[in-house]
Amino acid sequence: MKFIVIAVFTLLIAACNQTQKFDKSAWSEKGDLNIYPNRDKMLEDLLEHHQLKGLTYKQLIALLGDTEKYSDEEPNTATYNITTDYGKDINPVYMKNLEVKFSSDSIVTDVELKEIRH
């Protein structure tokens, strides 16, 4: 009985920590409300195993696809929505975005995660 409890507990922990390898087609997949269901699970692998700094803008787009278009986005920045939580409202209550900064000659200089809570 003790073994079964330990096995079930281990499976539950593994299910909570779902990560998956970066895959461009799965990364680009959109669900309802323009939410990307796979990005949060792939984020760790993307950041650990894919060197984004030093890429050109064209190389970044070839790897991650088109960026989001936000009206308040800083110049020389590309934003990828990772996850959005709408709670029980039409407006998002939480967003996690990957922001990629470029030099004036369109080379990636910085990559950071931005979390926004409303």
N, C-alpha and C. Protein backbone atom coordinates (compact mmCIF):
# COMPACT_ATOMS: atom_id res chain seq x y z
N MET A 1 0.82 -1.19 0.00
CA MET A 1 0.00 0.00 0.00
C MET A 1 0.86 1.26 0.00
N LYS A 2 1.92 1.25 0.78
CA LYS A 2 2.81 2.40 0.86
C LYS A 2 3.44 2.69 -0.51
N PHE A 3 3.79 1.64 -1.24
CA PHE A 3 4.38 1.79 -2.58
C PHE A 3 3.40 2.48 -3.53
N ILE A 4 2.12 2.11 -3.46
CA ILE A 4 1.10 2.69 -4.33
C ILE A 4 0.95 4.18 -4.04
N VAL A 5 0.93 4.55 -2.77
CA VAL A 5 0.80 5.96 -2.39
C VAL A 5 2.00 6.76 -2.91
N ILE A 6 3.19 6.22 -2.77
CA ILE A 6 4.40 6.90 -3.26
C ILE A 6 4.35 7.03 -4.78
N ALA A 7 3.92 5.98 -5.48
CA ALA A 7 3.84 6.01 -6.93
C ALA A 7 2.84 7.06 -7.41
N VAL A 8 1.68 7.13 -6.78
CA VAL A 8 0.65 8.10 -7.15
C VAL A 8 1.16 9.52 -6.87
N PHE A 9 1.79 9.72 -5.73
CA PHE A 9 2.34 11.03 -5.39
C PHE A 9 3.39 11.47 -6.41
N THR A 10 4.26 10.57 -6.81
CA THR A 10 5.29 10.86 -7.80
C THR A 10 4.67 11.24 -9.14
N LEU A 11 3.65 10.52 -9.56
CA LEU A 11 2.97 10.84 -10.82
C LEU A 11 2.29 12.21 -10.76
N LEU A 12 1.71 12.55 -9.64
CA LEU A 12 1.07 13.85 -9.49
C LEU A 12 2.09 14.98 -9.58
N ILE A 13 3.23 14.80 -8.95
CA ILE A 13 4.29 15.82 -9.01
C ILE A 13 4.80 15.95 -10.44
N ALA A 14 5.01 14.84 -11.12
CA ALA A 14 5.49 14.88 -12.50
C ALA A 14 4.47 15.57 -13.40
N ALA A 15 3.20 15.36 -13.18
CA ALA A 15 2.16 15.99 -13.99
C ALA A 15 2.13 17.50 -13.79
N CYS A 16 2.42 17.96 -12.59
CA CYS A 16 2.43 19.40 -12.31
C CYS A 16 3.62 20.10 -12.96
N ASN A 17 4.72 19.41 -13.10
CA ASN A 17 5.93 19.99 -13.67
C ASN A 17 6.09 19.63 -15.14
N GLN A 18 5.01 19.74 -15.89
CA GLN A 18 5.07 19.36 -17.29
C GLN A 18 5.91 20.36 -18.07
N THR A 19 6.98 19.88 -18.61
CA THR A 19 7.77 20.67 -19.54
C THR A 19 7.91 19.83 -20.79
N GLN A 20 8.11 20.50 -21.89
CA GLN A 20 8.33 19.76 -23.12
C GLN A 20 9.35 20.47 -23.96
N LYS A 21 9.95 19.73 -24.86
CA LYS A 21 10.96 20.31 -25.74
C LYS A 21 10.31 21.33 -26.67
N PHE A 22 11.09 22.36 -26.99
CA PHE A 22 10.60 23.38 -27.91
C PHE A 22 10.34 22.75 -29.27
N ASP A 23 9.19 23.07 -29.82
CA ASP A 23 8.80 22.62 -31.15
C ASP A 23 8.08 23.80 -31.81
N LYS A 24 8.59 24.27 -32.95
CA LYS A 24 8.06 25.48 -33.57
C LYS A 24 6.57 25.37 -33.89
N SER A 25 6.12 24.25 -34.41
CA SER A 25 4.71 24.15 -34.78
C SER A 25 3.82 24.15 -33.54
N ALA A 26 4.24 23.47 -32.47
CA ALA A 26 3.46 23.48 -31.23
C ALA A 26 3.51 24.85 -30.57
N TRP A 27 4.65 25.55 -30.66
CA TRP A 27 4.81 26.89 -30.11
C TRP A 27 3.81 27.85 -30.78
N SER A 28 3.59 27.68 -32.07
CA SER A 28 2.73 28.59 -32.83
C SER A 28 1.23 28.27 -32.72
N GLU A 29 0.90 27.13 -32.16
CA GLU A 29 -0.48 26.68 -32.06
C GLU A 29 -1.30 27.62 -31.17
N LYS A 30 -2.44 28.09 -31.70
CA LYS A 30 -3.32 28.97 -30.93
C LYS A 30 -4.57 28.24 -30.53
N GLY A 31 -5.01 28.50 -29.30
CA GLY A 31 -6.27 27.95 -28.81
C GLY A 31 -7.33 29.03 -28.77
N ASP A 32 -8.37 28.79 -28.00
CA ASP A 32 -9.44 29.77 -27.83
C ASP A 32 -8.89 31.06 -27.25
N LEU A 33 -9.51 32.18 -27.61
CA LEU A 33 -9.14 33.51 -27.12
C LEU A 33 -7.69 33.87 -27.46
N ASN A 34 -7.16 33.29 -28.53
CA ASN A 34 -5.77 33.53 -28.96
C ASN A 34 -4.75 33.19 -27.88
N ILE A 35 -5.05 32.17 -27.10
CA ILE A 35 -4.13 31.69 -26.06
C ILE A 35 -3.27 30.58 -26.65
N TYR A 36 -2.01 30.59 -26.30
CA TYR A 36 -1.06 29.58 -26.79
C TYR A 36 -0.94 28.48 -25.73
N PRO A 37 -1.52 27.32 -25.96
CA PRO A 37 -1.58 26.29 -24.92
C PRO A 37 -0.24 25.59 -24.62
N ASN A 38 0.74 25.71 -25.51
CA ASN A 38 1.99 24.96 -25.33
C ASN A 38 3.18 25.81 -24.89
N ARG A 39 3.10 27.09 -25.02
CA ARG A 39 4.28 27.94 -24.82
C ARG A 39 4.85 27.87 -23.41
N ASP A 40 4.00 27.89 -22.40
CA ASP A 40 4.52 27.88 -21.03
C ASP A 40 5.27 26.58 -20.74
N LYS A 41 4.81 25.47 -21.31
CA LYS A 41 5.48 24.18 -21.11
C LYS A 41 6.81 24.11 -21.85
N MET A 42 6.97 24.88 -22.93
CA MET A 42 8.19 24.86 -23.74
C MET A 42 9.20 25.94 -23.35
N LEU A 43 8.76 26.89 -22.55
CA LEU A 43 9.59 28.06 -22.25
C LEU A 43 10.94 27.69 -21.65
N GLU A 44 10.95 26.80 -20.68
CA GLU A 44 12.20 26.41 -20.03
C GLU A 44 13.19 25.82 -21.04
N ASP A 45 12.71 24.91 -21.88
CA ASP A 45 13.58 24.31 -22.89
C ASP A 45 14.08 25.35 -23.89
N LEU A 46 13.20 26.25 -24.30
CA LEU A 46 13.59 27.30 -25.24
C LEU A 46 14.73 28.14 -24.67
N LEU A 47 14.57 28.59 -23.44
CA LEU A 47 15.56 29.48 -22.84
C LEU A 47 16.86 28.76 -22.49
N GLU A 48 16.78 27.48 -22.15
CA GLU A 48 17.98 26.73 -21.77
C GLU A 48 18.76 26.15 -22.95
N HIS A 49 18.07 25.81 -24.03
CA HIS A 49 18.73 25.07 -25.11
C HIS A 49 18.76 25.79 -26.46
N HIS A 50 18.22 26.98 -26.53
CA HIS A 50 18.23 27.74 -27.78
C HIS A 50 18.80 29.11 -27.50
N GLN A 51 19.92 29.41 -28.08
CA GLN A 51 20.59 30.69 -27.86
C GLN A 51 19.88 31.77 -28.66
N LEU A 52 19.13 32.63 -27.98
CA LEU A 52 18.41 33.70 -28.66
C LEU A 52 19.27 34.95 -28.83
N LYS A 53 20.08 35.25 -27.81
CA LYS A 53 20.96 36.42 -27.92
C LYS A 53 21.92 36.21 -29.08
N GLY A 54 22.05 37.25 -29.89
CA GLY A 54 22.94 37.18 -31.05
C GLY A 54 22.21 36.85 -32.34
N LEU A 55 20.96 36.38 -32.25
CA LEU A 55 20.19 36.11 -33.47
C LEU A 55 19.80 37.43 -34.12
N THR A 56 19.61 37.40 -35.42
CA THR A 56 19.05 38.55 -36.11
C THR A 56 17.53 38.50 -35.97
N TYR A 57 16.88 39.61 -36.29
CA TYR A 57 15.42 39.66 -36.23
C TYR A 57 14.83 38.57 -37.13
N LYS A 58 15.37 38.40 -38.34
CA LYS A 58 14.86 37.38 -39.26
C LYS A 58 15.04 35.97 -38.70
N GLN A 59 16.17 35.71 -38.06
CA GLN A 59 16.40 34.39 -37.46
C GLN A 59 15.43 34.13 -36.31
N LEU A 60 15.14 35.16 -35.52
CA LEU A 60 14.20 35.03 -34.41
C LEU A 60 12.80 34.69 -34.95
N ILE A 61 12.38 35.41 -35.97
CA ILE A 61 11.06 35.17 -36.56
C ILE A 61 11.01 33.77 -37.18
N ALA A 62 12.09 33.33 -37.79
CA ALA A 62 12.13 31.98 -38.36
C ALA A 62 12.00 30.92 -37.26
N LEU A 63 12.55 31.20 -36.09
CA LEU A 63 12.49 30.24 -34.98
C LEU A 63 11.15 30.29 -34.24
N LEU A 64 10.69 31.50 -33.87
CA LEU A 64 9.52 31.64 -33.00
C LEU A 64 8.26 32.11 -33.70
N GLY A 65 8.35 32.52 -34.95
CA GLY A 65 7.17 33.01 -35.66
C GLY A 65 6.93 34.49 -35.38
N ASP A 66 5.79 34.97 -35.89
CA ASP A 66 5.45 36.39 -35.75
C ASP A 66 5.27 36.76 -34.29
N THR A 67 5.53 38.02 -34.00
CA THR A 67 5.42 38.54 -32.64
C THR A 67 4.02 39.09 -32.40
N GLU A 68 3.72 39.36 -31.14
CA GLU A 68 2.46 40.02 -30.79
C GLU A 68 2.64 41.50 -31.11
N LYS A 69 1.58 42.17 -31.36
CA LYS A 69 1.62 43.62 -31.64
C LYS A 69 0.88 44.34 -30.52
N TYR A 70 1.65 44.94 -29.60
CA TYR A 70 1.06 45.67 -28.49
C TYR A 70 1.29 47.16 -28.69
N SER A 71 0.29 47.98 -28.43
CA SER A 71 0.41 49.42 -28.66
C SER A 71 1.41 50.08 -27.73
N ASP A 72 1.63 49.50 -26.54
CA ASP A 72 2.55 50.11 -25.58
C ASP A 72 3.95 49.48 -25.61
N GLU A 73 4.22 48.71 -26.65
CA GLU A 73 5.51 48.03 -26.77
C GLU A 73 6.65 49.03 -27.02
N GLU A 74 7.75 48.80 -26.37
CA GLU A 74 8.92 49.65 -26.54
C GLU A 74 9.52 49.45 -27.93
N PRO A 75 10.19 50.47 -28.48
CA PRO A 75 10.87 50.30 -29.77
C PRO A 75 11.96 49.23 -29.67
N ASN A 76 12.26 48.59 -30.77
CA ASN A 76 13.28 47.55 -30.86
C ASN A 76 13.00 46.39 -29.90
N THR A 77 11.72 46.06 -29.74
CA THR A 77 11.30 44.97 -28.87
C THR A 77 10.30 44.08 -29.60
N ALA A 78 10.48 42.78 -29.46
CA ALA A 78 9.51 41.80 -29.97
C ALA A 78 8.92 41.10 -28.76
N THR A 79 7.61 40.93 -28.74
CA THR A 79 6.93 40.32 -27.60
C THR A 79 6.19 39.07 -28.04
N TYR A 80 6.37 38.01 -27.25
CA TYR A 80 5.66 36.75 -27.46
C TYR A 80 4.84 36.46 -26.21
N ASN A 81 3.53 36.31 -26.38
CA ASN A 81 2.68 35.97 -25.26
C ASN A 81 2.93 34.51 -24.89
N ILE A 82 3.20 34.26 -23.63
CA ILE A 82 3.43 32.90 -23.14
C ILE A 82 2.13 32.34 -22.57
N THR A 83 1.51 33.10 -21.68
CA THR A 83 0.25 32.65 -21.10
C THR A 83 -0.59 33.86 -20.70
N THR A 84 -1.89 33.69 -20.79
CA THR A 84 -2.84 34.72 -20.38
C THR A 84 -3.94 34.06 -19.58
N ASP A 85 -4.26 34.66 -18.43
CA ASP A 85 -5.35 34.15 -17.60
C ASP A 85 -6.41 35.25 -17.53
N TYR A 86 -7.62 34.91 -17.97
CA TYR A 86 -8.71 35.88 -17.97
C TYR A 86 -9.53 35.83 -16.69
N GLY A 87 -9.25 34.88 -15.83
CA GLY A 87 -10.05 34.77 -14.61
C GLY A 87 -11.51 34.58 -14.99
N LYS A 88 -12.37 35.42 -14.43
CA LYS A 88 -13.80 35.35 -14.74
C LYS A 88 -14.26 36.60 -15.47
N ASP A 89 -13.34 37.28 -16.13
CA ASP A 89 -13.64 38.56 -16.76
C ASP A 89 -13.22 38.52 -18.22
N ILE A 90 -13.59 39.54 -18.97
CA ILE A 90 -13.19 39.65 -20.37
C ILE A 90 -11.76 40.19 -20.48
N ASN A 91 -11.31 40.91 -19.45
CA ASN A 91 -9.96 41.47 -19.44
C ASN A 91 -9.01 40.52 -18.72
N PRO A 92 -7.78 40.42 -19.22
CA PRO A 92 -6.82 39.52 -18.56
C PRO A 92 -6.50 39.97 -17.14
N VAL A 93 -6.37 39.00 -16.24
CA VAL A 93 -5.95 39.30 -14.87
C VAL A 93 -4.46 38.98 -14.69
N TYR A 94 -3.90 38.19 -15.61
CA TYR A 94 -2.48 37.82 -15.54
C TYR A 94 -1.97 37.54 -16.95
N MET A 95 -0.77 38.03 -17.24
CA MET A 95 -0.11 37.73 -18.51
C MET A 95 1.37 37.49 -18.26
N LYS A 96 1.92 36.53 -18.98
CA LYS A 96 3.37 36.32 -18.97
C LYS A 96 3.83 36.43 -20.42
N ASN A 97 4.77 37.34 -20.66
CA ASN A 97 5.28 37.58 -22.00
C ASN A 97 6.79 37.39 -22.04
N LEU A 98 7.28 36.94 -23.17
CA LEU A 98 8.71 36.88 -23.44
C LEU A 98 9.04 38.12 -24.27
N GLU A 99 9.88 38.99 -23.73
CA GLU A 99 10.28 40.20 -24.44
C GLU A 99 11.70 40.06 -24.94
N VAL A 100 11.87 40.32 -26.22
CA VAL A 100 13.17 40.20 -26.87
C VAL A 100 13.58 41.59 -27.34
N LYS A 101 14.73 42.05 -26.87
CA LYS A 101 15.23 43.39 -27.21
C LYS A 101 16.28 43.28 -28.32
N PHE A 102 16.28 44.28 -29.21
CA PHE A 102 17.19 44.31 -30.35
C PHE A 102 18.07 45.55 -30.33
N SER A 103 19.25 45.41 -30.88
CA SER A 103 20.12 46.57 -31.09
C SER A 103 19.59 47.32 -32.32
N SER A 104 20.19 48.46 -32.62
CA SER A 104 19.76 49.25 -33.78
C SER A 104 19.99 48.52 -35.10
N ASP A 105 20.88 47.52 -35.10
CA ASP A 105 21.10 46.74 -36.32
C ASP A 105 20.39 45.38 -36.28
N SER A 106 19.31 45.30 -35.48
CA SER A 106 18.40 44.15 -35.44
C SER A 106 19.03 42.84 -34.96
N ILE A 107 19.92 42.94 -33.97
CA ILE A 107 20.52 41.76 -33.34
C ILE A 107 19.94 41.65 -31.92
N VAL A 108 19.54 40.45 -31.52
CA VAL A 108 18.98 40.25 -30.18
C VAL A 108 20.06 40.53 -29.14
N THR A 109 19.74 41.46 -28.22
CA THR A 109 20.69 41.83 -27.17
C THR A 109 20.24 41.36 -25.79
N ASP A 110 18.93 41.14 -25.60
CA ASP A 110 18.43 40.76 -24.29
C ASP A 110 17.11 40.03 -24.44
N VAL A 111 16.88 39.10 -23.51
CA VAL A 111 15.64 38.33 -23.47
C VAL A 111 15.18 38.31 -22.02
N GLU A 112 13.92 38.69 -21.79
CA GLU A 112 13.43 38.66 -20.42
C GLU A 112 11.94 38.31 -20.38
N LEU A 113 11.54 37.76 -19.23
CA LEU A 113 10.14 37.46 -18.99
C LEU A 113 9.49 38.62 -18.25
N LYS A 114 8.30 38.99 -18.68
CA LYS A 114 7.54 40.04 -18.00
C LYS A 114 6.22 39.44 -17.56
N GLU A 115 5.92 39.58 -16.29
CA GLU A 115 4.64 39.14 -15.75
C GLU A 115 3.83 40.35 -15.36
N ILE A 116 2.58 40.37 -15.79
CA ILE A 116 1.69 41.49 -15.55
C ILE A 116 0.45 40.97 -14.84
N ARG A 117 0.17 41.56 -13.68
CA ARG A 117 -1.04 41.21 -12.92
C ARG A 117 -1.94 42.44 -12.83
N HIS A 118 -3.21 42.23 -13.08
CA HIS A 118 -4.18 43.34 -13.00
C HIS A 118 -5.11 43.12 -11.86
